[in-house]
Amino acid sequence: MVQLSEDLLAQLDTEAERLGCSRSALIREAVELRLASGVEAERIRRYLDGYRRIPQADNPLTDASEQSRHALALRLDAEEEAAGLAW
């Protein structure tokens, strides 16, 4: 059981009628949305915390995998040049 003021009940009934659903269905949906928004807010908070701890670099070459790809490209260029295949 949940206690609601007469004014809130009237607003609920008006909205339920407008939507074509029962008061219970409207309350259930409101609770589900509120709980889901809390979960989403926590995900966003953790995502932002991660970026605060490890911010994205301004220079993409500071990313380790990007550095590795860049180094590989330079080595391949050097190998092709040494084999007379430079372009």
Protein backbone atom coordinates (compact mmCIF):
# COMPACT_ATOMS: atom_id res chain seq x y z
CA MET A 1 0.00 0.00 0.00
CA VAL A 2 1.15 3.49 -0.85
CA GLN A 3 -0.36 6.61 0.61
CA LEU A 4 -0.93 9.46 -1.83
CA SER A 5 -2.57 12.83 -1.38
CA GLU A 6 -5.99 13.45 -2.91
CA ASP A 7 -4.42 15.97 -5.29
CA LEU A 8 -1.82 13.45 -6.48
CA LEU A 9 -4.48 10.78 -6.89
CA ALA A 10 -6.55 13.17 -9.00
CA GLN A 11 -3.53 13.95 -11.19
CA LEU A 12 -2.78 10.24 -11.51
CA ASP A 13 -6.34 9.46 -12.53
CA THR A 14 -6.37 12.29 -15.08
CA GLU A 15 -3.10 11.11 -16.62
CA ALA A 16 -4.16 7.45 -16.60
CA GLU A 17 -7.38 8.38 -18.36
CA ARG A 18 -5.48 10.48 -20.91
CA LEU A 19 -3.13 7.57 -21.61
CA GLY A 20 -5.90 4.98 -21.57
CA CYS A 21 -4.40 2.87 -18.82
CA SER A 22 -5.14 2.04 -15.21
CA ARG A 23 -3.82 3.96 -12.23
CA SER A 24 -1.82 0.86 -11.24
CA ALA A 25 -0.24 0.60 -14.69
CA LEU A 26 0.72 4.26 -14.59
CA ILE A 27 2.25 3.91 -11.12
CA ARG A 28 4.14 0.78 -12.19
CA GLU A 29 5.53 2.57 -15.26
CA ALA A 30 6.53 5.60 -13.19
CA VAL A 31 8.37 3.43 -10.67
CA GLU A 32 10.10 1.44 -13.44
CA LEU A 33 11.20 4.65 -15.16
CA ARG A 34 12.50 6.11 -11.90
CA LEU A 35 14.46 2.98 -11.06
CA ALA A 36 15.85 2.77 -14.60
CA SER A 37 16.93 6.41 -14.47
CA GLY A 38 18.84 5.65 -11.26
CA VAL A 39 20.65 2.78 -12.97
CA GLU A 40 21.41 4.95 -16.00
CA ALA A 41 22.63 7.79 -13.78
CA GLU A 42 25.01 5.36 -12.05
CA ARG A 43 26.35 4.15 -15.41
CA ILE A 44 26.95 7.74 -16.52
CA ARG A 45 28.64 8.56 -13.20
CA ARG A 46 31.00 5.59 -13.55
CA TYR A 47 31.73 6.47 -17.20
CA LEU A 48 32.60 10.05 -16.26
CA ASP A 49 34.68 8.90 -13.30
CA GLY A 50 36.68 6.71 -15.67
CA TYR A 51 37.41 9.65 -17.93
CA ARG A 52 38.41 11.76 -14.94
CA ARG A 53 40.86 9.06 -13.82
CA ILE A 54 42.18 8.33 -17.33
CA PRO A 55 41.33 11.24 -19.62
CA GLN A 56 41.34 10.80 -23.36
CA ALA A 57 44.59 12.10 -24.79
CA ASP A 58 44.55 15.15 -27.03
CA ASN A 59 47.11 13.47 -29.27
CA PRO A 60 45.79 10.16 -30.64
CA LEU A 61 49.38 8.89 -30.89
CA THR A 62 49.55 8.79 -27.10
CA ASP A 63 47.11 5.88 -27.18
CA ALA A 64 49.15 2.66 -26.89
CA SER A 65 47.40 0.80 -29.70
CA GLU A 66 47.70 3.82 -32.00
CA GLN A 67 51.40 4.07 -31.15
CA SER A 68 51.82 0.39 -32.01
CA ARG A 69 50.06 0.81 -35.36
CA HIS A 70 52.16 3.88 -36.13
CA ALA A 71 55.40 2.09 -35.26
CA LEU A 72 54.39 -0.89 -37.43
CA ALA A 73 53.62 1.40 -40.37
CA LEU A 74 57.03 3.04 -40.01
CA ARG A 75 58.78 -0.36 -39.89
CA LEU A 76 56.90 -1.57 -42.96
CA ASP A 77 57.82 1.61 -44.84
CA ALA A 78 61.49 1.09 -43.88
CA GLU A 79 61.38 -2.56 -45.01
CA GLU A 80 59.82 -1.62 -48.35
CA GLU A 81 62.40 1.11 -48.85
CA ALA A 82 65.23 -1.32 -48.03
CA ALA A 83 63.80 -3.76 -50.59
CA GLY A 84 63.71 -1.02 -53.21
CA LEU A 85 59.93 -0.77 -53.11
CA ALA A 86 59.68 2.74 -51.72
CA TRP A 87 56.96 4.81 -53.23
